[in-house]
């Protein structure tokens, strides 16, 4: 769970994706809330600014439950508006 600002400033993102749309969203997001608040992806918010670019680039989410974790492509993680395949207790 990272904010858009945290993601845009991650060293590997800065190094590998100079013109990546997600880096631009940090400056261009219509509302400052997504920049500093977590949750658009985990709640599958239809207006999530980051979901489109992350899906286009084949991003994966890491889901953690206790000491176990699993990786899921974001395209399969989000199953519809406000719906994910997250299991109870995973974050």
Protein backbone atom coordinates (compact mmCIF):
# COMPACT_ATOMS: atom_id res chain seq x y z
CA UNK A 1 0.00 0.00 0.00
CA UNK A 2 1.77 3.09 -1.27
CA UNK A 3 0.57 6.51 -2.26
CA UNK A 4 0.97 7.87 -5.79
CA UNK A 5 3.62 10.24 -4.45
CA UNK A 6 5.58 7.39 -2.88
CA UNK A 7 5.37 5.31 -6.06
CA UNK A 8 6.42 8.17 -8.33
CA UNK A 9 9.49 8.79 -6.17
CA UNK A 10 10.59 5.14 -5.94
CA UNK A 11 14.16 4.90 -7.31
CA UNK A 12 13.42 2.03 -9.71
CA UNK A 13 10.43 3.89 -11.17
CA UNK A 14 12.52 7.02 -11.64
CA UNK A 15 15.32 5.01 -13.25
CA UNK A 16 13.32 2.72 -15.55
CA UNK A 17 10.27 4.77 -16.46
CA UNK A 18 11.34 8.33 -17.24
CA UNK A 19 8.11 9.15 -19.10
CA UNK A 20 5.83 6.74 -17.30
CA UNK A 21 2.27 8.13 -17.03
CA UNK A 22 2.11 7.26 -13.35
CA UNK A 23 4.95 9.67 -12.64
CA UNK A 24 2.97 12.39 -14.38
CA UNK A 25 -0.20 11.61 -12.43
CA UNK A 26 1.54 12.74 -9.28
CA UNK A 27 1.59 16.25 -10.74
CA UNK A 28 -1.58 16.13 -12.81
CA UNK A 29 -4.09 14.32 -10.60
CA UNK A 30 -7.27 16.36 -10.46
CA UNK A 31 -7.46 15.91 -6.71
CA UNK A 32 -4.55 15.89 -4.30
CA UNK A 33 -6.15 13.13 -2.21
CA UNK A 34 -4.88 10.25 -4.43
CA UNK A 35 -1.37 11.63 -4.18
CA UNK A 36 -1.20 11.17 -0.44
CA UNK A 37 -3.81 8.59 0.40
CA UNK A 38 -3.70 4.85 -0.15
CA UNK A 39 -6.49 2.61 -1.33
CA UNK A 40 -7.64 3.26 -4.93
CA UNK A 41 -6.34 -0.08 -6.11
CA UNK A 42 -7.37 -2.14 -3.08
CA UNK A 43 -10.90 -0.76 -3.27
CA UNK A 44 -11.02 -0.87 -7.09
CA UNK A 45 -12.37 2.66 -7.24
CA UNK A 46 -13.60 3.35 -10.77
CA UNK A 47 -12.05 6.83 -10.68
CA UNK A 48 -8.65 5.52 -9.55
CA UNK A 49 -6.08 7.56 -11.50
CA UNK A 50 -3.41 4.86 -11.25
CA UNK A 51 -5.41 1.79 -12.29
CA UNK A 52 -5.24 2.42 -16.06
CA UNK A 53 -1.48 3.00 -16.32
CA UNK A 54 -0.71 0.15 -13.92
CA UNK A 55 -2.87 -2.23 -15.93
CA UNK A 56 -1.30 -1.08 -19.21
CA UNK A 57 2.18 -1.77 -17.87
CA UNK A 58 1.25 -5.21 -16.52
CA UNK A 59 1.69 -4.31 -12.86
CA UNK A 60 1.10 -6.83 -10.10
CA UNK A 61 -0.16 -6.35 -6.57
CA UNK A 62 1.25 -8.15 -3.56
CA UNK A 63 -1.44 -9.39 -1.21
CA UNK A 64 -0.37 -10.19 2.35
CA UNK A 65 -2.19 -12.22 4.97
CA UNK A 66 -0.15 -12.85 8.10
CA UNK A 67 3.20 -14.29 7.06
CA UNK A 68 1.96 -15.44 3.67
CA UNK A 69 1.78 -13.39 0.50
CA UNK A 70 0.84 -13.82 -3.12
CA UNK A 71 1.27 -11.77 -6.29
CA UNK A 72 -1.64 -11.11 -8.61
CA UNK A 73 -1.68 -9.20 -11.94
CA UNK A 74 -3.72 -6.05 -11.41
CA UNK A 75 -5.77 -6.99 -14.47
CA UNK A 76 -6.99 -10.09 -12.61
CA UNK A 77 -7.04 -8.53 -9.14
CA UNK A 78 -9.70 -5.95 -10.06
CA UNK A 79 -12.80 -7.83 -11.14
CA UNK A 80 -15.16 -4.87 -11.56
CA UNK A 81 -16.01 -1.44 -10.17
CA UNK A 82 -15.42 -1.67 -6.43
CA UNK A 83 -14.68 -5.40 -6.68
CA UNK A 84 -11.45 -7.36 -6.28
CA UNK A 85 -10.45 -10.96 -5.67
CA UNK A 86 -8.84 -10.00 -2.35
CA UNK A 87 -9.48 -12.58 0.38
CA UNK A 88 -10.73 -11.58 3.83
CA UNK A 89 -7.87 -10.15 5.85
CA UNK A 90 -5.52 -9.59 2.92
CA UNK A 91 -4.01 -6.19 2.38
